[in-house]
């Protein structure tokens, strides 16, 4: 009589199969990660594309690009429209043009000259809500992040008054181009805590004009800065050659902490280095060796910039400094930027 036998894997064979699977996974993992990062880069580029198109729509309506607002202790005011009279920053002014008009309207009470408690509460609601369109997916999640203390802005309520309390606000990974001079903030702005009557602060004598003229020969030559009203007619170097806004450099150690001096406010504050950057510094990939100052990104090889005509480009980190500065200056008139700036 024949004895039946059962075929089975030996332990050695199983170990070999497991080892082969491990090798295949190790080979495929970098490709998967690369594909995921490529998708994140695409989303980041699309975000800036939408913000660039919103800036053009803003220009079509009011004849200039989104303004820089007043200072780091001011946020948006829906009653004060656009331009020099608007205390909030460029992202707040862009809200009606990215289908976020309902959020924009929360920071208002219908009175141009009064900041009521209703408006203050509404403004705090606005800054406490993160926007997905102003987030780079390679860097951090769409969420709220810690701010130092509970005071946000002169025209907003204390954060502790929100349901649930906490000192959390939304932030942006993108910054508007303030020019190539190194100037990307100018203080807290006029006023004081608990301001109600806007007539007095609105008559502030600003240190620059709507197009950036300052005392002496100094000039802000970007697209958005304190109380700016810069239009296409002021971009004499060409809208396809001049930055509007782009990714800002950050220290990875402070993505979530609020401890960086250039990422410790909210996404809709007025002119400050959280939401405005200068082309005077060399763009860099995020690294922990210093605090932020210029443009850059968390991506491996490029940072994305939206130009004044609405198109977006991925720019290499080894871009010539003169070219980067030239694209930040709307009217340097230089053909040879290396010659104009005296360095490569």
Protein backbone atom coordinates (compact mmCIF):
# COMPACT_ATOMS: atom_id res chain seq x y z
CA UNK A 1 0.00 0.00 0.00
CA UNK A 2 1.33 3.47 -0.93
CA UNK A 3 1.74 6.00 1.85
CA UNK A 4 0.37 9.52 1.05
CA UNK A 5 2.70 12.47 1.56
CA UNK A 6 1.98 16.21 2.16
CA UNK A 7 4.03 18.94 0.49
CA UNK A 8 5.02 21.81 2.81
CA UNK A 9 7.52 24.67 3.04
CA UNK A 10 10.52 24.21 5.22
CA UNK A 11 11.52 26.87 7.72
CA UNK A 12 14.48 27.81 5.56
CA UNK A 13 12.26 28.32 2.53
CA UNK A 14 9.91 30.56 4.52
CA UNK A 15 12.81 32.64 5.75
CA UNK A 16 14.09 33.04 2.20
CA UNK A 17 10.67 34.21 0.98
CA UNK A 18 10.38 36.70 3.84
CA UNK A 19 13.87 38.01 3.08
CA UNK A 20 12.97 38.47 -0.60
CA UNK A 21 9.77 40.33 0.31
CA UNK A 22 11.78 42.57 2.66
CA UNK A 23 14.24 43.38 -0.11
CA UNK A 24 11.42 44.22 -2.55
CA UNK A 25 9.74 46.48 0.02
CA UNK A 26 13.04 48.25 0.68
CA UNK A 27 13.47 48.78 -3.05
CA UNK A 28 9.93 50.06 -3.55
CA UNK A 29 9.69 52.30 -0.48
CA UNK A 30 11.83 55.15 -1.88
CA UNK A 31 9.75 55.12 -5.05
CA UNK A 32 6.53 55.30 -3.03
CA UNK A 33 7.90 58.13 -0.91
CA UNK A 34 9.07 59.94 -4.03
CA UNK A 35 5.61 59.61 -5.58
CA UNK A 36 4.00 60.96 -2.44
CA UNK A 37 6.35 63.94 -2.35
CA UNK A 38 5.67 64.60 -6.04
CA UNK A 39 1.95 64.70 -5.23
CA UNK A 40 2.60 67.07 -2.33
CA UNK A 41 4.68 69.35 -4.57
CA UNK A 42 1.87 69.40 -7.12
CA UNK A 43 -0.66 70.38 -4.44
CA UNK A 44 1.66 73.11 -3.15
CA UNK A 45 2.11 74.48 -6.67
CA UNK A 46 -1.65 74.41 -7.20
CA UNK A 47 -2.21 76.33 -3.96
CA UNK A 48 0.06 79.12 -5.14
CA UNK A 49 -1.59 79.04 -8.57
CA UNK A 50 -4.97 79.70 -6.95
CA UNK A 51 -3.52 82.49 -4.80
CA UNK A 52 -1.88 84.04 -7.86
CA UNK A 53 -5.16 83.95 -9.80
CA UNK A 54 -6.95 85.41 -6.76
CA UNK A 55 -4.46 88.31 -6.80
CA UNK A 56 -5.31 88.97 -10.45
CA UNK A 57 -9.03 88.89 -9.67
CA UNK A 58 -8.38 91.29 -6.80
CA UNK A 59 -6.54 93.54 -9.26
CA UNK A 60 -9.43 93.36 -11.76
CA UNK A 61 -11.84 94.58 -9.09
CA UNK A 62 -9.84 97.23 -7.19
CA UNK A 63 -6.99 97.93 -9.68
CA UNK A 64 -4.11 96.82 -7.44
CA UNK A 65 -2.71 93.65 -5.87
CA UNK A 66 -3.64 92.62 -2.29
CA UNK A 67 -2.22 95.10 0.20
CA UNK A 68 0.15 94.43 3.08
CA UNK A 69 -2.06 95.79 5.84
CA UNK A 70 -0.84 97.75 8.85
CA UNK A 71 1.35 95.66 11.16
CA UNK A 72 1.66 92.48 13.19
CA UNK A 73 -0.95 93.51 15.79
CA UNK A 74 -3.68 94.07 13.21
CA UNK A 75 -5.88 91.51 11.46
CA UNK A 76 -8.57 91.79 8.81
CA UNK A 77 -11.59 94.12 8.98
CA UNK A 78 -14.41 93.28 6.54
CA UNK A 79 -15.86 96.81 6.81
CA UNK A 80 -12.76 98.56 5.51
CA UNK A 81 -12.48 97.09 2.03
CA UNK A 82 -9.11 96.87 0.31
CA UNK A 83 -5.86 98.78 0.14
CA UNK A 84 -4.44 101.36 2.53
CA UNK A 85 -7.56 101.43 4.71
CA UNK A 86 -7.47 97.64 5.29
CA UNK A 87 -5.49 96.63 8.43
CA UNK A 88 -5.35 92.91 7.55
CA UNK A 89 -2.74 91.31 5.33
CA UNK A 90 -2.65 90.02 1.76
CA UNK A 91 -4.21 86.63 2.50
CA UNK A 92 -7.17 88.19 4.26
CA UNK A 93 -7.74 90.51 1.29
CA UNK A 94 -7.60 87.47 -1.01
CA UNK A 95 -10.39 85.59 0.79
CA UNK A 96 -13.32 86.84 -1.34
CA UNK A 97 -11.42 85.73 -4.45
CA UNK A 98 -10.72 82.15 -3.29
CA UNK A 99 -14.36 81.42 -2.40
CA UNK A 100 -13.85 82.21 1.28
CA UNK A 101 -16.04 85.29 1.43
CA UNK A 102 -18.02 83.93 4.39
CA UNK A 103 -14.86 83.83 6.51
CA UNK A 104 -13.89 87.31 5.33
CA UNK A 105 -17.27 88.70 6.42
CA UNK A 106 -16.99 87.30 9.97
CA UNK A 107 -14.48 90.05 10.82
CA UNK A 108 -16.95 92.90 10.48
CA UNK A 109 -19.98 94.58 12.01
CA UNK A 110 -21.09 96.90 9.18
CA UNK A 111 -19.50 100.02 10.70
CA UNK A 112 -16.43 101.46 8.95
CA UNK A 113 -15.22 103.47 11.95
CA UNK A 114 -16.16 101.22 14.88
CA UNK A 115 -14.62 98.00 16.13
CA UNK A 116 -17.46 96.46 18.12
CA UNK A 117 -17.24 93.44 20.38
CA UNK A 118 -19.10 91.48 17.72
CA UNK A 119 -16.38 92.33 15.21
CA UNK A 120 -13.58 91.55 17.66
CA UNK A 121 -15.08 88.11 18.33
CA UNK A 122 -15.51 87.55 14.61
CA UNK A 123 -11.89 88.49 13.90
CA UNK A 124 -10.70 86.03 16.52
CA UNK A 125 -12.85 83.32 14.94
CA UNK A 126 -11.19 84.08 11.58
CA UNK A 127 -7.59 83.82 12.82
CA UNK A 128 -8.39 80.66 14.77
CA UNK A 129 -9.45 78.83 11.62
CA UNK A 130 -6.75 77.32 9.39
CA UNK A 131 -7.05 77.47 5.59
CA UNK A 132 -5.93 74.48 3.56
CA UNK A 133 -4.97 76.62 0.55
CA UNK A 134 -2.20 78.40 2.45
CA UNK A 135 -0.53 75.21 3.68
CA UNK A 136 2.34 73.33 2.07
CA UNK A 137 1.52 69.61 2.51
CA UNK A 138 5.24 68.76 2.61
CA UNK A 139 5.59 70.79 5.78
CA UNK A 140 2.62 70.53 8.14
CA UNK A 141 -1.04 69.66 8.48
CA UNK A 142 -3.99 72.00 8.12
CA UNK A 143 -4.37 72.73 11.81
CA UNK A 144 -4.05 75.42 14.45
CA UNK A 145 -0.74 76.09 16.17
CA UNK A 146 0.44 77.69 19.37
CA UNK A 147 0.79 81.45 19.68
CA UNK A 148 2.52 83.18 22.56
CA UNK A 149 -0.24 84.24 24.94
CA UNK A 150 -3.89 84.83 24.12
CA UNK A 151 -3.74 88.38 22.71
CA UNK A 152 -3.86 88.31 18.90
CA UNK A 153 -4.48 91.80 17.58
CA UNK A 154 -5.67 95.27 18.51
CA UNK A 155 -8.93 94.65 16.63
CA UNK A 156 -9.56 91.07 17.81
CA UNK A 157 -10.87 89.52 21.00
CA UNK A 158 -8.74 87.57 23.45
CA UNK A 159 -8.30 83.95 22.36
CA UNK A 160 -9.37 82.70 25.76
CA UNK A 161 -12.86 83.98 24.97
CA UNK A 162 -13.35 81.31 22.30
CA UNK A 163 -15.35 78.20 23.02
CA UNK A 164 -12.79 75.75 24.34
CA UNK A 165 -10.25 78.49 24.99
CA UNK A 166 -6.63 77.81 24.11
CA UNK A 167 -3.95 79.88 22.41
CA UNK A 168 -4.16 78.31 18.95
CA UNK A 169 -4.28 80.08 15.59
CA UNK A 170 -3.97 79.23 11.91
CA UNK A 171 -0.74 79.96 10.04
CA UNK A 172 0.47 80.22 6.46
CA UNK A 173 3.35 78.58 4.63
CA UNK A 174 3.31 81.28 1.94
CA UNK A 175 4.50 84.87 1.95
CA UNK A 176 4.00 87.86 -0.32
CA UNK A 177 6.95 89.52 -2.04
CA UNK A 178 7.83 92.80 -0.30
CA UNK A 179 10.83 93.50 -2.55
CA UNK A 180 14.60 93.06 -2.44
CA UNK A 181 15.48 95.60 0.25
CA UNK A 182 15.29 93.26 3.25
CA UNK A 183 12.28 95.13 4.65
CA UNK A 184 9.44 92.72 5.41
CA UNK A 185 7.86 94.25 8.51
CA UNK A 186 7.53 97.62 10.21
CA UNK A 187 6.30 97.15 13.75
CA UNK A 188 2.96 96.40 15.34
CA UNK A 189 1.09 99.18 13.58
CA UNK A 190 -0.85 102.09 15.10
CA UNK A 191 -3.30 101.85 17.97
CA UNK A 192 -3.44 99.98 21.24
CA UNK A 193 -5.23 97.05 22.85
CA UNK A 194 -8.99 97.37 22.94
CA UNK A 195 -9.12 100.01 20.19
CA UNK A 196 -12.69 100.98 19.25
CA UNK A 197 -12.58 104.23 17.29
CA UNK A 198 -10.82 103.62 13.96
CA UNK A 199 -10.91 107.27 12.86
CA UNK A 200 -7.80 108.17 14.84
CA UNK A 201 -5.61 105.23 13.88
CA UNK A 202 -6.73 105.36 10.26
CA UNK A 203 -5.21 108.85 9.99
CA UNK A 204 -1.76 107.55 10.88
CA UNK A 205 1.09 109.08 8.95
CA UNK A 206 2.69 106.04 7.36
CA UNK A 207 6.43 105.74 6.77
CA UNK A 208 5.89 104.87 3.11
CA UNK A 209 3.42 105.73 0.36
CA UNK A 210 1.06 103.30 -1.33
CA UNK A 211 3.71 102.54 -3.94
CA UNK A 212 6.56 102.22 -1.45
CA UNK A 213 8.23 105.63 -1.51
CA UNK A 214 10.00 106.35 1.78
CA UNK A 215 12.03 109.24 3.14
CA UNK A 216 15.16 109.99 1.15
CA UNK A 217 15.93 107.57 -1.66
CA UNK A 218 14.57 104.49 0.08
CA UNK A 219 11.84 102.60 -1.75
CA UNK A 220 9.89 99.41 -1.12
CA UNK A 221 9.99 97.77 -4.53
CA UNK A 222 7.94 94.59 -4.10
CA UNK A 223 4.26 93.91 -4.69
CA UNK A 224 2.74 93.85 -1.19
CA UNK A 225 3.94 95.73 1.89
CA UNK A 226 2.58 98.10 4.53
CA UNK A 227 -0.50 99.98 3.15
CA UNK A 228 0.54 99.11 -0.42
CA UNK A 229 -1.59 99.69 -3.49
CA UNK A 230 0.68 98.39 -6.25
CA UNK A 231 -0.89 97.76 -9.64
CA UNK A 232 0.24 96.21 -12.91
CA UNK A 233 1.26 99.65 -14.13
CA UNK A 234 3.88 99.78 -11.36
CA UNK A 235 5.41 96.42 -12.36
CA UNK A 236 7.55 97.83 -15.13
CA UNK A 237 9.85 94.80 -15.28
CA UNK A 238 6.90 92.72 -16.48
CA UNK A 239 4.31 90.70 -14.59
CA UNK A 240 5.69 87.41 -15.95
CA UNK A 241 9.14 88.22 -14.51
CA UNK A 242 8.19 89.53 -11.06
CA UNK A 243 7.28 87.50 -7.98
CA UNK A 244 3.92 88.03 -6.33
CA UNK A 245 4.19 85.47 -3.51
CA UNK A 246 5.79 82.14 -2.75
CA UNK A 247 6.92 79.59 -0.22
CA UNK A 248 8.68 80.92 2.85
CA UNK A 249 11.78 79.37 4.42
CA UNK A 250 11.31 77.91 7.91
CA UNK A 251 13.28 76.17 10.64
CA UNK A 252 11.83 72.61 10.87
CA UNK A 253 12.29 72.62 14.65
CA UNK A 254 9.62 75.32 14.84
CA UNK A 255 6.99 74.08 12.40
CA UNK A 256 4.60 73.44 15.28
CA UNK A 257 5.95 75.45 18.21
CA UNK A 258 5.33 79.13 17.45
CA UNK A 259 8.82 79.83 18.76
CA UNK A 260 10.15 81.30 15.52
CA UNK A 261 10.06 85.09 15.28
CA UNK A 262 8.94 84.74 11.66
CA UNK A 263 6.14 82.24 12.24
CA UNK A 264 4.54 83.24 15.53
CA UNK A 265 1.53 85.29 14.40
CA UNK A 266 -1.55 84.35 12.35
CA UNK A 267 -2.18 83.96 8.65
CA UNK A 268 -4.18 87.19 8.29
CA UNK A 269 -2.05 89.70 10.19
CA UNK A 270 -0.83 92.86 8.55
CA UNK A 271 2.71 93.59 7.41
CA UNK A 272 5.16 91.33 9.25
CA UNK A 273 7.74 88.68 8.45
CA UNK A 274 5.31 85.81 9.08
CA UNK A 275 3.46 86.58 5.86
CA UNK A 276 5.91 88.77 3.91
CA UNK A 277 9.39 87.89 2.74
CA UNK A 278 12.18 89.68 0.93
CA UNK A 279 14.30 88.56 -1.99
CA UNK A 280 17.42 90.01 -0.38
CA UNK A 281 18.30 86.66 1.19
CA UNK A 282 19.38 83.53 -0.66
CA UNK A 283 16.45 81.06 -0.86
CA UNK A 284 17.02 77.88 1.12
CA UNK A 285 15.59 74.46 1.81
CA UNK A 286 14.22 74.26 5.37
CA UNK A 287 16.95 73.37 7.86
CA UNK A 288 17.40 73.82 11.63
CA UNK A 289 20.52 75.97 11.60
CA UNK A 290 18.97 79.41 11.66
CA UNK A 291 15.70 81.31 11.93
CA UNK A 292 13.73 82.25 8.82
CA UNK A 293 14.08 85.40 6.79
CA UNK A 294 13.61 84.78 3.09
CA UNK A 295 11.90 82.44 0.68
CA UNK A 296 12.43 78.67 0.61
CA UNK A 297 10.60 75.39 1.14
CA UNK A 298 10.53 71.91 2.62
CA UNK A 299 10.88 70.36 -0.86
CA UNK A 300 14.06 68.60 -1.90
CA UNK A 301 15.14 70.65 -4.90
CA UNK A 302 12.82 73.60 -5.52
CA UNK A 303 10.65 76.27 -3.95
CA UNK A 304 7.52 77.51 -5.71
CA UNK A 305 6.81 81.13 -6.56
CA UNK A 306 3.65 82.66 -8.05
CA UNK A 307 4.36 85.53 -10.43
CA UNK A 308 2.34 88.68 -10.97
CA UNK A 309 0.75 87.29 -14.12
CA UNK A 310 -0.59 84.29 -12.17
CA UNK A 311 1.77 81.57 -13.39
CA UNK A 312 3.83 79.46 -10.95
CA UNK A 313 7.39 78.21 -11.28
CA UNK A 314 9.45 75.75 -9.29
CA UNK A 315 12.79 77.48 -8.77
CA UNK A 316 16.02 75.70 -7.90
CA UNK A 317 17.74 76.55 -4.64
CA UNK A 318 20.92 77.26 -6.58
CA UNK A 319 19.27 80.10 -8.52
CA UNK A 320 21.69 83.00 -8.91
CA UNK A 321 21.19 85.47 -6.11
CA UNK A 322 21.04 88.34 -8.59
CA UNK A 323 18.24 86.64 -10.54
CA UNK A 324 16.29 86.01 -7.33
CA UNK A 325 16.68 89.61 -6.21
CA UNK A 326 15.76 90.85 -9.65
CA UNK A 327 12.51 88.88 -9.65
CA UNK A 328 11.69 90.39 -6.24
CA UNK A 329 12.17 93.97 -7.49
CA UNK A 330 9.27 95.08 -9.68
CA UNK A 331 11.12 97.91 -11.41
CA UNK A 332 14.90 97.53 -11.29
CA UNK A 333 14.97 97.78 -15.09
CA UNK A 334 18.05 95.57 -15.26
CA UNK A 335 18.72 93.19 -18.12
CA UNK A 336 21.90 91.82 -16.56
CA UNK A 337 21.04 91.34 -12.89
CA UNK A 338 24.52 90.11 -12.01
CA UNK A 339 25.97 93.36 -13.30
CA UNK A 340 23.24 95.42 -11.66
CA UNK A 341 23.68 93.90 -8.20
CA UNK A 342 27.44 93.39 -8.42
CA UNK A 343 27.46 89.66 -7.64
CA UNK A 344 26.25 86.39 -9.20
